[in-house]
Amino acid sequence: MGNNTSEFKGQNKPVDSVSFYDSLEFCQKLSEAVGIEFNLPS
């Protein structure tokens, strides 16, 4: 993470072009920050 490869820039805009591994990393960091486990839907 730390980079925005999305074509849509700005707050409240959808994010596209996100890798599977970046998504997993985001879920892991969010889970650690909040204390609730987050996973990608299957």
PDB file of N, CA and C in Angstrom:
ATOM      1  N   MET A   1       0.851  -1.154   0.000  1.00  0.00           N
ATOM      2  CA  MET A   1       0.000   0.000   0.000  1.00  0.00           C
ATOM      3  C   MET A   1       0.900   1.221   0.000  1.00  0.00           C
ATOM      4  N   GLY A   2       0.342   2.376   0.149  1.00  0.00           N
ATOM      5  CA  GLY A   2       1.148   3.578   0.103  1.00  0.00           C
ATOM      6  C   GLY A   2       1.179   4.220  -1.271  1.00  0.00           C
ATOM      7  N   ASN A   3       0.528   3.590  -2.234  1.00  0.00           N
ATOM      8  CA  ASN A   3       0.427   4.186  -3.555  1.00  0.00           C
ATOM      9  C   ASN A   3      -1.005   4.041  -4.044  1.00  0.00           C
ATOM     10  N   ASN A   4      -1.405   4.919  -4.920  1.00  0.00           N
ATOM     11  CA  ASN A   4      -2.768   4.900  -5.439  1.00  0.00           C
ATOM     12  C   ASN A   4      -2.693   4.747  -6.951  1.00  0.00           C
ATOM     13  N   THR A   5      -2.947   3.553  -7.435  1.00  0.00           N
ATOM     14  CA  THR A   5      -2.900   3.294  -8.869  1.00  0.00           C
ATOM     15  C   THR A   5      -4.264   3.467  -9.529  1.00  0.00           C
ATOM     16  N   SER A   6      -5.238   3.910  -8.757  1.00  0.00           N
ATOM     17  CA  SER A   6      -6.592   4.050  -9.256  1.00  0.00           C
ATOM     18  C   SER A   6      -6.701   5.190 -10.258  1.00  0.00           C
ATOM     19  N   GLU A   7      -7.592   5.033 -11.226  1.00  0.00           N
ATOM     20  CA  GLU A   7      -7.874   6.115 -12.155  1.00  0.00           C
ATOM     21  C   GLU A   7      -8.727   7.188 -11.488  1.00  0.00           C
ATOM     22  N   PHE A   8      -9.495   6.805 -10.482  1.00  0.00           N
ATOM     23  CA  PHE A   8     -10.361   7.737  -9.765  1.00  0.00           C
ATOM     24  C   PHE A   8      -9.600   8.277  -8.566  1.00  0.00           C
ATOM     25  N   LYS A   9      -9.377   9.564  -8.512  1.00  0.00           N
ATOM     26  CA  LYS A   9      -8.635  10.183  -7.414  1.00  0.00           C
ATOM     27  C   LYS A   9      -9.596  10.977  -6.540  1.00  0.00           C
ATOM     28  N   GLY A  10      -9.315  11.004  -5.253  1.00  0.00           N
ATOM     29  CA  GLY A  10     -10.110  11.801  -4.336  1.00  0.00           C
ATOM     30  C   GLY A  10     -10.881  10.950  -3.349  1.00  0.00           C
ATOM     31  N   GLN A  11     -11.330  11.609  -2.316  1.00  0.00           N
ATOM     32  CA  GLN A  11     -12.094  10.948  -1.266  1.00  0.00           C
ATOM     33  C   GLN A  11     -13.469  10.564  -1.805  1.00  0.00           C
ATOM     34  N   ASN A  12     -14.022   9.468  -1.312  1.00  0.00           N
ATOM     35  CA  ASN A  12     -15.342   8.958  -1.697  1.00  0.00           C
ATOM     36  C   ASN A  12     -15.405   8.544  -3.164  1.00  0.00           C
ATOM     37  N   LYS A  13     -14.280   8.149  -3.720  1.00  0.00           N
ATOM     38  CA  LYS A  13     -14.228   7.641  -5.097  1.00  0.00           C
ATOM     39  C   LYS A  13     -13.903   6.155  -5.050  1.00  0.00           C
ATOM     40  N   PRO A  14     -14.398   5.379  -6.019  1.00  0.00           N
ATOM     41  CA  PRO A  14     -14.083   3.947  -6.031  1.00  0.00           C
ATOM     42  C   PRO A  14     -12.604   3.717  -6.326  1.00  0.00           C
ATOM     43  N   VAL A  15     -12.096   2.610  -5.862  1.00  0.00           N
ATOM     44  CA  VAL A  15     -10.703   2.244  -6.095  1.00  0.00           C
ATOM     45  C   VAL A  15     -10.684   1.082  -7.070  1.00  0.00           C
ATOM     46  N   ASP A  16      -9.835   1.173  -8.068  1.00  0.00           N
ATOM     47  CA  ASP A  16      -9.687   0.098  -9.040  1.00  0.00           C
ATOM     48  C   ASP A  16      -8.207  -0.238  -9.163  1.00  0.00           C
ATOM     49  N   SER A  17      -7.904  -1.273  -9.883  1.00  0.00           N
ATOM     50  CA  SER A  17      -6.511  -1.681 -10.139  1.00  0.00           C
ATOM     51  C   SER A  17      -5.767  -2.045  -8.864  1.00  0.00           C
ATOM     52  N   VAL A  18      -6.445  -2.704  -7.929  1.00  0.00           N
ATOM     53  CA  VAL A  18      -5.821  -3.124  -6.672  1.00  0.00           C
ATOM     54  C   VAL A  18      -5.455  -4.594  -6.788  1.00  0.00           C
ATOM     55  N   SER A  19      -4.232  -4.926  -6.430  1.00  0.00           N
ATOM     56  CA  SER A  19      -3.815  -6.317  -6.506  1.00  0.00           C
ATOM     57  C   SER A  19      -4.437  -7.126  -5.365  1.00  0.00           C
ATOM     58  N   PHE A  20      -4.502  -8.410  -5.563  1.00  0.00           N
ATOM     59  CA  PHE A  20      -5.012  -9.323  -4.548  1.00  0.00           C
ATOM     60  C   PHE A  20      -4.183  -9.212  -3.271  1.00  0.00           C
ATOM     61  N   TYR A  21      -2.864  -9.134  -3.428  1.00  0.00           N
ATOM     62  CA  TYR A  21      -1.973  -9.090  -2.270  1.00  0.00           C
ATOM     63  C   TYR A  21      -2.067  -7.766  -1.522  1.00  0.00           C
ATOM     64  N   ASP A  22      -2.266  -6.663  -2.237  1.00  0.00           N
ATOM     65  CA  ASP A  22      -2.493  -5.381  -1.556  1.00  0.00           C
ATOM     66  C   ASP A  22      -3.803  -5.421  -0.772  1.00  0.00           C
ATOM     67  N   SER A  23      -4.805  -6.088  -1.321  1.00  0.00           N
ATOM     68  CA  SER A  23      -6.088  -6.224  -0.620  1.00  0.00           C
ATOM     69  C   SER A  23      -5.931  -7.035   0.657  1.00  0.00           C
ATOM     70  N   LEU A  24      -5.164  -8.123   0.587  1.00  0.00           N
ATOM     71  CA  LEU A  24      -4.912  -8.928   1.783  1.00  0.00           C
ATOM     72  C   LEU A  24      -4.152  -8.133   2.838  1.00  0.00           C
ATOM     73  N   GLU A  25      -3.158  -7.364   2.391  1.00  0.00           N
ATOM     74  CA  GLU A  25      -2.377  -6.540   3.319  1.00  0.00           C
ATOM     75  C   GLU A  25      -3.268  -5.504   3.997  1.00  0.00           C
ATOM     76  N   PHE A  26      -4.183  -4.886   3.236  1.00  0.00           N
ATOM     77  CA  PHE A  26      -5.103  -3.918   3.808  1.00  0.00           C
ATOM     78  C   PHE A  26      -5.982  -4.564   4.872  1.00  0.00           C
ATOM     79  N   CYS A  27      -6.533  -5.745   4.571  1.00  0.00           N
ATOM     80  CA  CYS A  27      -7.376  -6.445   5.540  1.00  0.00           C
ATOM     81  C   CYS A  27      -6.603  -6.768   6.811  1.00  0.00           C
ATOM     82  N   GLN A  28      -5.358  -7.185   6.656  1.00  0.00           N
ATOM     83  CA  GLN A  28      -4.536  -7.514   7.820  1.00  0.00           C
ATOM     84  C   GLN A  28      -4.269  -6.273   8.676  1.00  0.00           C
ATOM     85  N   LYS A  29      -3.895  -5.174   8.056  1.00  0.00           N
ATOM     86  CA  LYS A  29      -3.611  -3.940   8.807  1.00  0.00           C
ATOM     87  C   LYS A  29      -4.874  -3.391   9.464  1.00  0.00           C
ATOM     88  N   LEU A  30      -6.001  -3.453   8.763  1.00  0.00           N
ATOM     89  CA  LEU A  30      -7.265  -2.991   9.340  1.00  0.00           C
ATOM     90  C   LEU A  30      -7.646  -3.856  10.533  1.00  0.00           C
ATOM     91  N   SER A  31      -7.480  -5.166  10.409  1.00  0.00           N
ATOM     92  CA  SER A  31      -7.796  -6.082  11.503  1.00  0.00           C
ATOM     93  C   SER A  31      -6.960  -5.777  12.739  1.00  0.00           C
ATOM     94  N   GLU A  32      -5.672  -5.515  12.537  1.00  0.00           N
ATOM     95  CA  GLU A  32      -4.785  -5.190  13.661  1.00  0.00           C
ATOM     96  C   GLU A  32      -5.164  -3.864  14.302  1.00  0.00           C
ATOM     97  N   ALA A  33      -5.553  -2.889  13.501  1.00  0.00           N
ATOM     98  CA  ALA A  33      -5.884  -1.559  14.022  1.00  0.00           C
ATOM     99  C   ALA A  33      -7.193  -1.548  14.795  1.00  0.00           C
ATOM    100  N   VAL A  34      -8.175  -2.327  14.335  1.00  0.00           N
ATOM    101  CA  VAL A  34      -9.510  -2.290  14.928  1.00  0.00           C
ATOM    102  C   VAL A  34      -9.713  -3.385  15.957  1.00  0.00           C
ATOM    103  N   GLY A  35      -9.008  -4.494  15.806  1.00  0.00           N
ATOM    104  CA  GLY A  35      -9.175  -5.605  16.730  1.00  0.00           C
ATOM    105  C   GLY A  35     -10.268  -6.572  16.317  1.00  0.00           C
ATOM    106  N   ILE A  36     -10.740  -6.440  15.085  1.00  0.00           N
ATOM    107  CA  ILE A  36     -11.746  -7.335  14.528  1.00  0.00           C
ATOM    108  C   ILE A  36     -11.161  -7.906  13.247  1.00  0.00           C
ATOM    109  N   GLU A  37     -11.355  -9.216  13.018  1.00  0.00           N
ATOM    110  CA  GLU A  37     -10.772  -9.833  11.832  1.00  0.00           C
ATOM    111  C   GLU A  37     -11.584  -9.507  10.579  1.00  0.00           C
ATOM    112  N   PHE A  38     -10.902  -8.983   9.568  1.00  0.00           N
ATOM    113  CA  PHE A  38     -11.504  -8.698   8.276  1.00  0.00           C
ATOM    114  C   PHE A  38     -10.883  -9.626   7.239  1.00  0.00           C
ATOM    115  N   ASN A  39     -11.719 -10.133   6.324  1.00  0.00           N
ATOM    116  CA  ASN A  39     -11.274 -11.013   5.247  1.00  0.00           C
ATOM    117  C   ASN A  39     -11.914 -10.572   3.948  1.00  0.00           C
ATOM    118  N   LEU A  40     -11.314 -11.006   2.860  1.00  0.00           N
ATOM    119  CA  LEU A  40     -11.919 -10.771   1.551  1.00  0.00           C
ATOM    120  C   LEU A  40     -13.064 -11.751   1.354  1.00  0.00           C
ATOM    121  N   PRO A  41     -14.151 -11.321   0.699  1.00  0.00           N
ATOM    122  CA  PRO A  41     -15.241 -12.256   0.427  1.00  0.00           C
ATOM    123  C   PRO A  41     -14.795 -13.311  -0.572  1.00  0.00           C
ATOM    124  N   SER A  42     -15.392 -14.465  -0.470  1.00  0.00           N
ATOM    125  CA  SER A  42     -15.026 -15.537  -1.402  1.00  0.00           C
ATOM    126  C   SER A  42     -16.106 -15.749  -2.434  1.00  0.00           C
TER     127      SER A  42
END
